[in-house]
Amino acid sequence: MQNTTGKIKYKSAPKDIADAINSSEVIEDFLPKPEDLVFKQKTVKVTMNLSKDSVEFFKLRSRKYGVPYQKMINSLVDKYVERFRRA
């Protein structure tokens, strides 16, 4: 049943819940657009020598999870920095 404000009035819900529902307000969509969710980080290209075993490890795992192995290594370095930056 609708009340005078055009909202549905709930009668079968417990009073406290019905009161909360009846006094609620519609909030406009506040979520960002999908293209705003892509966070571009500034990157720096580096050349490093890594052990063959380490690179093979990341290449195998990257195939398993379908991500580039360089991104996996980058993520690992970022997590290391984040962990010790807080310390």
Protein backbone atom coordinates (compact mmCIF):
# COMPACT_ATOMS: atom_id res chain seq x y z
CA MET A 1 0.00 0.00 0.00
CA GLN A 2 1.35 3.48 -0.85
CA ASN A 3 1.28 6.42 1.52
CA THR A 4 0.81 10.08 0.54
CA THR A 5 4.49 10.53 -0.38
CA GLY A 6 4.23 7.80 -3.00
CA LYS A 7 6.29 5.34 -0.98
CA ILE A 8 5.02 1.87 -0.28
CA LYS A 9 3.83 1.53 3.29
CA TYR A 10 4.75 -1.77 4.88
CA LYS A 11 2.24 -3.22 7.29
CA SER A 12 3.32 -6.84 7.62
CA ALA A 13 6.92 -6.06 8.67
CA PRO A 14 7.80 -5.60 12.36
CA LYS A 15 7.14 -1.99 13.41
CA ASP A 16 10.79 -0.95 13.78
CA ILE A 17 11.68 -2.36 10.37
CA ALA A 18 8.57 -0.90 8.71
CA ASP A 19 9.36 2.52 10.25
CA ALA A 20 12.94 2.34 8.99
CA ILE A 21 11.80 1.37 5.49
CA ASN A 22 9.12 4.06 5.40
CA SER A 23 11.53 6.77 6.53
CA SER A 24 14.27 5.77 4.09
CA GLU A 25 15.40 7.98 1.21
CA VAL A 26 16.41 7.09 -2.32
CA ILE A 27 20.10 7.82 -2.89
CA GLU A 28 21.29 8.58 -6.39
CA ASP A 29 23.85 6.22 -7.87
CA PHE A 30 27.24 7.21 -6.45
CA LEU A 31 29.35 4.50 -8.06
CA PRO A 32 32.06 5.58 -10.48
CA LYS A 33 31.87 4.77 -14.18
CA PRO A 34 33.76 1.59 -15.16
CA GLU A 35 36.42 3.59 -17.00
CA ASP A 36 37.11 5.52 -13.78
CA LEU A 37 37.96 2.27 -12.00
CA VAL A 38 41.08 1.69 -14.09
CA PHE A 39 43.92 3.12 -12.09
CA LYS A 40 46.94 3.99 -14.17
CA GLN A 41 50.14 3.97 -12.18
CA LYS A 42 53.21 5.79 -13.29
CA THR A 43 55.77 3.20 -14.19
CA VAL A 44 59.48 3.21 -14.84
CA LYS A 45 61.04 0.78 -17.24
CA VAL A 46 63.99 -1.08 -15.69
CA THR A 47 66.33 -3.78 -16.82
CA MET A 48 67.24 -6.41 -14.24
CA ASN A 49 68.86 -9.78 -14.16
CA LEU A 50 66.78 -12.44 -12.42
CA SER A 51 67.59 -16.06 -11.90
CA LYS A 52 66.35 -18.41 -14.60
CA ASP A 53 64.49 -20.44 -11.96
CA SER A 54 62.62 -17.35 -10.71
CA VAL A 55 61.57 -16.29 -14.19
CA GLU A 56 60.44 -19.82 -15.05
CA PHE A 57 58.43 -19.95 -11.81
CA PHE A 58 56.58 -16.75 -12.71
CA LYS A 59 56.09 -17.78 -16.33
CA LEU A 60 54.52 -21.10 -15.29
CA ARG A 61 52.25 -19.44 -12.74
CA SER A 62 51.31 -16.66 -15.14
CA ARG A 63 50.14 -19.22 -17.71
CA LYS A 64 48.11 -20.96 -15.02
CA TYR A 65 46.35 -17.74 -13.98
CA GLY A 66 46.28 -16.07 -17.40
CA VAL A 67 48.24 -12.94 -16.48
CA PRO A 68 51.54 -11.58 -17.80
CA TYR A 69 54.48 -12.76 -15.71
CA GLN A 70 55.96 -9.24 -15.58
CA LYS A 71 52.77 -8.02 -13.89
CA MET A 72 53.08 -10.80 -11.32
CA ILE A 73 56.64 -9.76 -10.52
CA ASN A 74 55.59 -6.10 -10.40
CA SER A 75 52.76 -6.95 -8.01
CA LEU A 76 55.16 -8.86 -5.77
CA VAL A 77 57.56 -5.91 -5.61
CA ASP A 78 54.66 -3.50 -4.91
CA LYS A 79 53.39 -5.69 -2.06
CA TYR A 80 56.90 -5.89 -0.60
CA VAL A 81 57.22 -2.09 -0.71
CA GLU A 82 53.76 -1.60 0.81
CA ARG A 83 54.54 -4.00 3.64
CA PHE A 84 57.81 -2.41 4.62
CA ARG A 85 56.75 1.18 3.97
CA ARG A 86 54.19 0.78 6.79
CA ALA A 87 56.76 -0.66 9.18
